[in-house]
Amino acid sequence: MNVAVGDRIVIDSEKAGEPPRSGVVLEVIEASYGTHYRVRWDNGRVSEIRPTAGTLHTVEAEKAARA
């Protein structure tokens, strides 16, 4: 998956019935154990995530700006 700084992402909820989380990628961190991301969530919090397969959806920064 090609995720870049400035992209908006959506993460599916871990619990049934909970809404997905969305935010903006602040940093892409490449490490020997995989890629993870520093994200500013829409609620203002910042965290690092290393999503599992199928849980992350991206909206590129240009597309998000047009929407």
PDB file of N, CA and C in Angstrom:
ATOM      1  N   MET A   1       0.846  -1.170   0.000  1.00  0.00           N
ATOM      2  CA  MET A   1       0.000   0.000   0.000  1.00  0.00           C
ATOM      3  C   MET A   1       0.892   1.233   0.000  1.00  0.00           C
ATOM      4  N   ASN A   2       0.532   2.202  -0.793  1.00  0.00           N
ATOM      5  CA  ASN A   2       1.323   3.411  -0.910  1.00  0.00           C
ATOM      6  C   ASN A   2       0.651   4.533  -0.124  1.00  0.00           C
ATOM      7  N   VAL A   3       1.154   4.803   1.073  1.00  0.00           N
ATOM      8  CA  VAL A   3       0.619   5.860   1.933  1.00  0.00           C
ATOM      9  C   VAL A   3       1.689   6.931   2.069  1.00  0.00           C
ATOM     10  N   ALA A   4       1.302   8.193   1.916  1.00  0.00           N
ATOM     11  CA  ALA A   4       2.247   9.301   1.989  1.00  0.00           C
ATOM     12  C   ALA A   4       1.800  10.310   3.035  1.00  0.00           C
ATOM     13  N   VAL A   5       2.755  11.114   3.488  1.00  0.00           N
ATOM     14  CA  VAL A   5       2.445  12.192   4.425  1.00  0.00           C
ATOM     15  C   VAL A   5       1.388  13.095   3.793  1.00  0.00           C
ATOM     16  N   GLY A   6       0.373  13.442   4.572  1.00  0.00           N
ATOM     17  CA  GLY A   6      -0.709  14.284   4.088  1.00  0.00           C
ATOM     18  C   GLY A   6      -1.928  13.511   3.634  1.00  0.00           C
ATOM     19  N   ASP A   7      -1.776  12.200   3.407  1.00  0.00           N
ATOM     20  CA  ASP A   7      -2.930  11.393   3.014  1.00  0.00           C
ATOM     21  C   ASP A   7      -3.895  11.256   4.180  1.00  0.00           C
ATOM     22  N   ARG A   8      -5.167  11.219   3.860  1.00  0.00           N
ATOM     23  CA  ARG A   8      -6.188  10.891   4.865  1.00  0.00           C
ATOM     24  C   ARG A   8      -6.339   9.383   4.872  1.00  0.00           C
ATOM     25  N   ILE A   9      -6.449   8.803   6.054  1.00  0.00           N
ATOM     26  CA  ILE A   9      -6.645   7.368   6.170  1.00  0.00           C
ATOM     27  C   ILE A   9      -7.889   7.090   7.002  1.00  0.00           C
ATOM     28  N   VAL A  10      -8.433   5.914   6.792  1.00  0.00           N
ATOM     29  CA  VAL A  10      -9.568   5.420   7.566  1.00  0.00           C
ATOM     30  C   VAL A  10      -9.195   4.025   8.039  1.00  0.00           C
ATOM     31  N   ILE A  11      -9.358   3.782   9.330  1.00  0.00           N
ATOM     32  CA  ILE A  11      -9.063   2.478   9.930  1.00  0.00           C
ATOM     33  C   ILE A  11     -10.375   1.866  10.387  1.00  0.00           C
ATOM     34  N   ASP A  12     -10.631   0.633   9.956  1.00  0.00           N
ATOM     35  CA  ASP A  12     -11.824  -0.071  10.405  1.00  0.00           C
ATOM     36  C   ASP A  12     -11.754  -0.298  11.907  1.00  0.00           C
ATOM     37  N   SER A  13     -12.902  -0.308  12.555  1.00  0.00           N
ATOM     38  CA  SER A  13     -12.979  -0.518  13.998  1.00  0.00           C
ATOM     39  C   SER A  13     -12.640  -1.963  14.357  1.00  0.00           C
ATOM     40  N   GLU A  14     -12.052  -2.146  15.534  1.00  0.00           N
ATOM     41  CA  GLU A  14     -11.763  -3.490  16.032  1.00  0.00           C
ATOM     42  C   GLU A  14     -13.001  -4.135  16.632  1.00  0.00           C
ATOM     43  N   LYS A  15     -14.010  -3.341  16.976  1.00  0.00           N
ATOM     44  CA  LYS A  15     -15.218  -3.850  17.619  1.00  0.00           C
ATOM     45  C   LYS A  15     -16.420  -3.665  16.707  1.00  0.00           C
ATOM     46  N   ALA A  16     -17.270  -4.663  16.665  1.00  0.00           N
ATOM     47  CA  ALA A  16     -18.492  -4.578  15.873  1.00  0.00           C
ATOM     48  C   ALA A  16     -19.365  -3.439  16.392  1.00  0.00           C
ATOM     49  N   GLY A  17     -19.925  -2.668  15.476  1.00  0.00           N
ATOM     50  CA  GLY A  17     -20.810  -1.581  15.846  1.00  0.00           C
ATOM     51  C   GLY A  17     -20.114  -0.261  16.128  1.00  0.00           C
ATOM     52  N   GLU A  18     -18.798  -0.259  16.236  1.00  0.00           N
ATOM     53  CA  GLU A  18     -18.035   0.971  16.459  1.00  0.00           C
ATOM     54  C   GLU A  18     -17.713   1.604  15.104  1.00  0.00           C
ATOM     55  N   PRO A  19     -17.751   2.935  15.024  1.00  0.00           N
ATOM     56  CA  PRO A  19     -17.427   3.589  13.746  1.00  0.00           C
ATOM     57  C   PRO A  19     -15.927   3.518  13.452  1.00  0.00           C
ATOM     58  N   PRO A  20     -15.549   3.593  12.180  1.00  0.00           N
ATOM     59  CA  PRO A  20     -14.122   3.629  11.836  1.00  0.00           C
ATOM     60  C   PRO A  20     -13.502   4.946  12.294  1.00  0.00           C
ATOM     61  N   ARG A  21     -12.160   4.960  12.445  1.00  0.00           N
ATOM     62  CA  ARG A  21     -11.435   6.188  12.794  1.00  0.00           C
ATOM     63  C   ARG A  21     -10.808   6.744  11.532  1.00  0.00           C
ATOM     64  N   SER A  22     -10.694   8.067  11.453  1.00  0.00           N
ATOM     65  CA  SER A  22     -10.031   8.678  10.302  1.00  0.00           C
ATOM     66  C   SER A  22      -9.122   9.798  10.782  1.00  0.00           C
ATOM     67  N   GLY A  23      -8.091  10.053   9.969  1.00  0.00           N
ATOM     68  CA  GLY A  23      -7.137  11.089  10.309  1.00  0.00           C
ATOM     69  C   GLY A  23      -6.177  11.348   9.169  1.00  0.00           C
ATOM     70  N   VAL A  24      -5.152  12.152   9.449  1.00  0.00           N
ATOM     71  CA  VAL A  24      -4.160  12.551   8.452  1.00  0.00           C
ATOM     72  C   VAL A  24      -2.798  11.988   8.850  1.00  0.00           C
ATOM     73  N   VAL A  25      -2.086  11.429   7.885  1.00  0.00           N
ATOM     74  CA  VAL A  25      -0.760  10.866   8.122  1.00  0.00           C
ATOM     75  C   VAL A  25       0.239  12.007   8.292  1.00  0.00           C
ATOM     76  N   LEU A  26       0.928  12.013   9.449  1.00  0.00           N
ATOM     77  CA  LEU A  26       1.950  13.019   9.727  1.00  0.00           C
ATOM     78  C   LEU A  26       3.341  12.532   9.357  1.00  0.00           C
ATOM     79  N   GLU A  27       3.552  11.212   9.461  1.00  0.00           N
ATOM     80  CA  GLU A  27       4.881  10.652   9.217  1.00  0.00           C
ATOM     81  C   GLU A  27       4.744   9.190   8.811  1.00  0.00           C
ATOM     82  N   VAL A  28       5.547   8.758   7.840  1.00  0.00           N
ATOM     83  CA  VAL A  28       5.655   7.360   7.441  1.00  0.00           C
ATOM     84  C   VAL A  28       6.986   6.869   7.983  1.00  0.00           C
ATOM     85  N   ILE A  29       6.953   5.829   8.812  1.00  0.00           N
ATOM     86  CA  ILE A  29       8.148   5.346   9.494  1.00  0.00           C
ATOM     87  C   ILE A  29       8.480   3.951   8.969  1.00  0.00           C
ATOM     88  N   GLU A  30       9.604   3.849   8.270  1.00  0.00           N
ATOM     89  CA  GLU A  30      10.079   2.569   7.748  1.00  0.00           C
ATOM     90  C   GLU A  30      11.006   1.942   8.784  1.00  0.00           C
ATOM     91  N   ALA A  31      10.751   0.687   9.121  1.00  0.00           N
ATOM     92  CA  ALA A  31      11.577  -0.024  10.094  1.00  0.00           C
ATOM     93  C   ALA A  31      11.801  -1.446   9.603  1.00  0.00           C
ATOM     94  N   SER A  32      12.772  -2.122  10.197  1.00  0.00           N
ATOM     95  CA  SER A  32      13.077  -3.496   9.783  1.00  0.00           C
ATOM     96  C   SER A  32      11.892  -4.427  10.018  1.00  0.00           C
ATOM     97  N   TYR A  33      11.018  -4.109  10.945  1.00  0.00           N
ATOM     98  CA  TYR A  33       9.868  -4.959  11.264  1.00  0.00           C
ATOM     99  C   TYR A  33       8.591  -4.498  10.556  1.00  0.00           C
ATOM    100  N   GLY A  34       8.695  -3.535   9.651  1.00  0.00           N
ATOM    101  CA  GLY A  34       7.538  -3.105   8.878  1.00  0.00           C
ATOM    102  C   GLY A  34       7.338  -1.603   8.904  1.00  0.00           C
ATOM    103  N   THR A  35       6.386  -1.158   8.133  1.00  0.00           N
ATOM    104  CA  THR A  35       6.069   0.258   8.031  1.00  0.00           C
ATOM    105  C   THR A  35       4.965   0.600   9.020  1.00  0.00           C
ATOM    106  N   HIS A  36       5.125   1.720   9.698  1.00  0.00           N
ATOM    107  CA  HIS A  36       4.035   2.218  10.531  1.00  0.00           C
ATOM    108  C   HIS A  36       3.904   3.712  10.310  1.00  0.00           C
ATOM    109  N   TYR A  37       2.841   4.283  10.862  1.00  0.00           N
ATOM    110  CA  TYR A  37       2.473   5.652  10.541  1.00  0.00           C
ATOM    111  C   TYR A  37       2.148   6.435  11.803  1.00  0.00           C
ATOM    112  N   ARG A  38       2.557   7.695  11.820  1.00  0.00           N
ATOM    113  CA  ARG A  38       2.122   8.624  12.876  1.00  0.00           C
ATOM    114  C   ARG A  38       0.936   9.380  12.280  1.00  0.00           C
ATOM    115  N   VAL A  39      -0.198   9.352  13.004  1.00  0.00           N
ATOM    116  CA  VAL A  39      -1.458   9.878  12.482  1.00  0.00           C
ATOM    117  C   VAL A  39      -2.058  10.873  13.468  1.00  0.00           C
ATOM    118  N   ARG A  40      -2.561  11.995  12.945  1.00  0.00           N
ATOM    119  CA  ARG A  40      -3.389  12.910  13.749  1.00  0.00           C
ATOM    120  C   ARG A  40      -4.833  12.575  13.420  1.00  0.00           C
ATOM    121  N   TRP A  41      -5.509  12.008  14.406  1.00  0.00           N
ATOM    122  CA  TRP A  41      -6.895  11.591  14.232  1.00  0.00           C
ATOM    123  C   TRP A  41      -7.811  12.802  14.236  1.00  0.00           C
ATOM    124  N   ASP A  42      -9.004  12.634  13.713  1.00  0.00           N
ATOM    125  CA  ASP A  42      -9.969  13.725  13.631  1.00  0.00           C
ATOM    126  C   ASP A  42     -10.364  14.260  15.005  1.00  0.00           C
ATOM    127  N   ASN A  43     -10.167  13.465  16.063  1.00  0.00           N
ATOM    128  CA  ASN A  43     -10.475  13.936  17.414  1.00  0.00           C
ATOM    129  C   ASN A  43      -9.325  14.730  18.029  1.00  0.00           C
ATOM    130  N   GLY A  44      -8.228  14.933  17.267  1.00  0.00           N
ATOM    131  CA  GLY A  44      -7.096  15.726  17.731  1.00  0.00           C
ATOM    132  C   GLY A  44      -5.950  14.930  18.322  1.00  0.00           C
ATOM    133  N   ARG A  45      -6.176  13.668  18.642  1.00  0.00           N
ATOM    134  CA  ARG A  45      -5.110  12.840  19.209  1.00  0.00           C
ATOM    135  C   ARG A  45      -4.124  12.420  18.133  1.00  0.00           C
ATOM    136  N   VAL A  46      -2.885  12.142  18.558  1.00  0.00           N
ATOM    137  CA  VAL A  46      -1.841  11.661  17.653  1.00  0.00           C
ATOM    138  C   VAL A  46      -1.356  10.322  18.175  1.00  0.00           C
ATOM    139  N   SER A  47      -1.206   9.350  17.274  1.00  0.00           N
ATOM    140  CA  SER A  47      -0.679   8.054  17.671  1.00  0.00           C
ATOM    141  C   SER A  47       0.053   7.422  16.508  1.00  0.00           C
ATOM    142  N   GLU A  48       0.838   6.378  16.826  1.00  0.00           N
ATOM    143  CA  GLU A  48       1.499   5.591  15.795  1.00  0.00           C
ATOM    144  C   GLU A  48       0.722   4.304  15.627  1.00  0.00           C
ATOM    145  N   ILE A  49       0.541   3.902  14.369  1.00  0.00           N
ATOM    146  CA  ILE A  49      -0.174   2.666  14.093  1.00  0.00           C
ATOM    147  C   ILE A  49       0.630   1.801  13.131  1.00  0.00           C
ATOM    148  N   ARG A  50       0.442   0.516  13.229  1.00  0.00           N
ATOM    149  CA  ARG A  50       0.965  -0.434  12.260  1.00  0.00           C
ATOM    150  C   ARG A  50      -0.210  -1.341  11.905  1.00  0.00           C
ATOM    151  N   PRO A  51      -1.002  -0.925  10.920  1.00  0.00           N
ATOM    152  CA  PRO A  51      -2.248  -1.635  10.622  1.00  0.00           C
ATOM    153  C   PRO A  51      -2.013  -3.024  10.053  1.00  0.00           C
ATOM    154  N   THR A  52      -2.974  -3.899  10.298  1.00  0.00           N
ATOM    155  CA  THR A  52      -2.938  -5.233   9.717  1.00  0.00           C
ATOM    156  C   THR A  52      -3.621  -5.191   8.354  1.00  0.00           C
ATOM    157  N   ALA A  53      -3.461  -6.259   7.609  1.00  0.00           N
ATOM    158  CA  ALA A  53      -4.007  -6.320   6.253  1.00  0.00           C
ATOM    159  C   ALA A  53      -5.514  -6.102   6.256  1.00  0.00           C
ATOM    160  N   GLY A  54      -5.976  -5.230   5.362  1.00  0.00           N
ATOM    161  CA  GLY A  54      -7.394  -5.014   5.175  1.00  0.00           C
ATOM    162  C   GLY A  54      -8.048  -4.020   6.106  1.00  0.00           C
ATOM    163  N   THR A  55      -7.294  -3.422   7.034  1.00  0.00           N
ATOM    164  CA  THR A  55      -7.919  -2.504   7.984  1.00  0.00           C
ATOM    165  C   THR A  55      -7.737  -1.040   7.626  1.00  0.00           C
ATOM    166  N   LEU A  56      -6.803  -0.734   6.729  1.00  0.00           N
ATOM    167  CA  LEU A  56      -6.463   0.650   6.400  1.00  0.00           C
ATOM    168  C   LEU A  56      -6.936   0.992   4.996  1.00  0.00           C
ATOM    169  N   HIS A  57      -7.602   2.131   4.868  1.00  0.00           N
ATOM    170  CA  HIS A  57      -8.024   2.654   3.568  1.00  0.00           C
ATOM    171  C   HIS A  57      -7.479   4.068   3.463  1.00  0.00           C
ATOM    172  N   THR A  58      -6.981   4.445   2.289  1.00  0.00           N
ATOM    173  CA  THR A  58      -6.417   5.779   2.140  1.00  0.00           C
ATOM    174  C   THR A  58      -7.208   6.613   1.146  1.00  0.00           C
ATOM    175  N   VAL A  59      -7.145   7.915   1.375  1.00  0.00           N
ATOM    176  CA  VAL A  59      -7.657   8.909   0.438  1.00  0.00           C
ATOM    177  C   VAL A  59      -6.497   9.877   0.253  1.00  0.00           C
ATOM    178  N   GLU A  60      -5.905   9.911  -0.927  1.00  0.00           N
ATOM    179  CA  GLU A  60      -4.737  10.749  -1.155  1.00  0.00           C
ATOM    180  C   GLU A  60      -5.051  12.205  -0.838  1.00  0.00           C
ATOM    181  N   ALA A  61      -4.044  12.952  -0.437  1.00  0.00           N
ATOM    182  CA  ALA A  61      -4.208  14.343   0.001  1.00  0.00           C
ATOM    183  C   ALA A  61      -4.913  15.182  -1.052  1.00  0.00           C
ATOM    184  N   GLU A  62      -4.572  15.036  -2.329  1.00  0.00           N
ATOM    185  CA  GLU A  62      -5.188  15.842  -3.382  1.00  0.00           C
ATOM    186  C   GLU A  62      -6.680  15.542  -3.499  1.00  0.00           C
ATOM    187  N   LYS A  63      -7.047  14.274  -3.415  1.00  0.00           N
ATOM    188  CA  LYS A  63      -8.438  13.887  -3.519  1.00  0.00           C
ATOM    189  C   LYS A  63      -9.228  14.396  -2.316  1.00  0.00           C
ATOM    190  N   ALA A  64      -8.623  14.322  -1.136  1.00  0.00           N
ATOM    191  CA  ALA A  64      -9.292  14.796   0.076  1.00  0.00           C
ATOM    192  C   ALA A  64      -9.519  16.310   0.006  1.00  0.00           C
ATOM    193  N   ALA A  65      -8.582  17.048  -0.559  1.00  0.00           N
ATOM    194  CA  ALA A  65      -8.703  18.503  -0.657  1.00  0.00           C
ATOM    195  C   ALA A  65      -9.838  18.888  -1.604  1.00  0.00           C
ATOM    196  N   ARG A  66     -10.026  18.083  -2.644  1.00  0.00           N
ATOM    197  CA  ARG A  66     -11.093  18.371  -3.619  1.00  0.00           C
ATOM    198  C   ARG A  66     -12.468  18.022  -3.068  1.00  0.00           C
ATOM    199  N   ALA A  67     -12.530  17.053  -2.164  1.00  0.00           N
ATOM    200  CA  ALA A  67     -13.837  16.576  -1.639  1.00  0.00           C
ATOM    201  C   ALA A  67     -14.457  17.546  -0.670  1.00  0.00           C
TER     202      ALA A  67
END
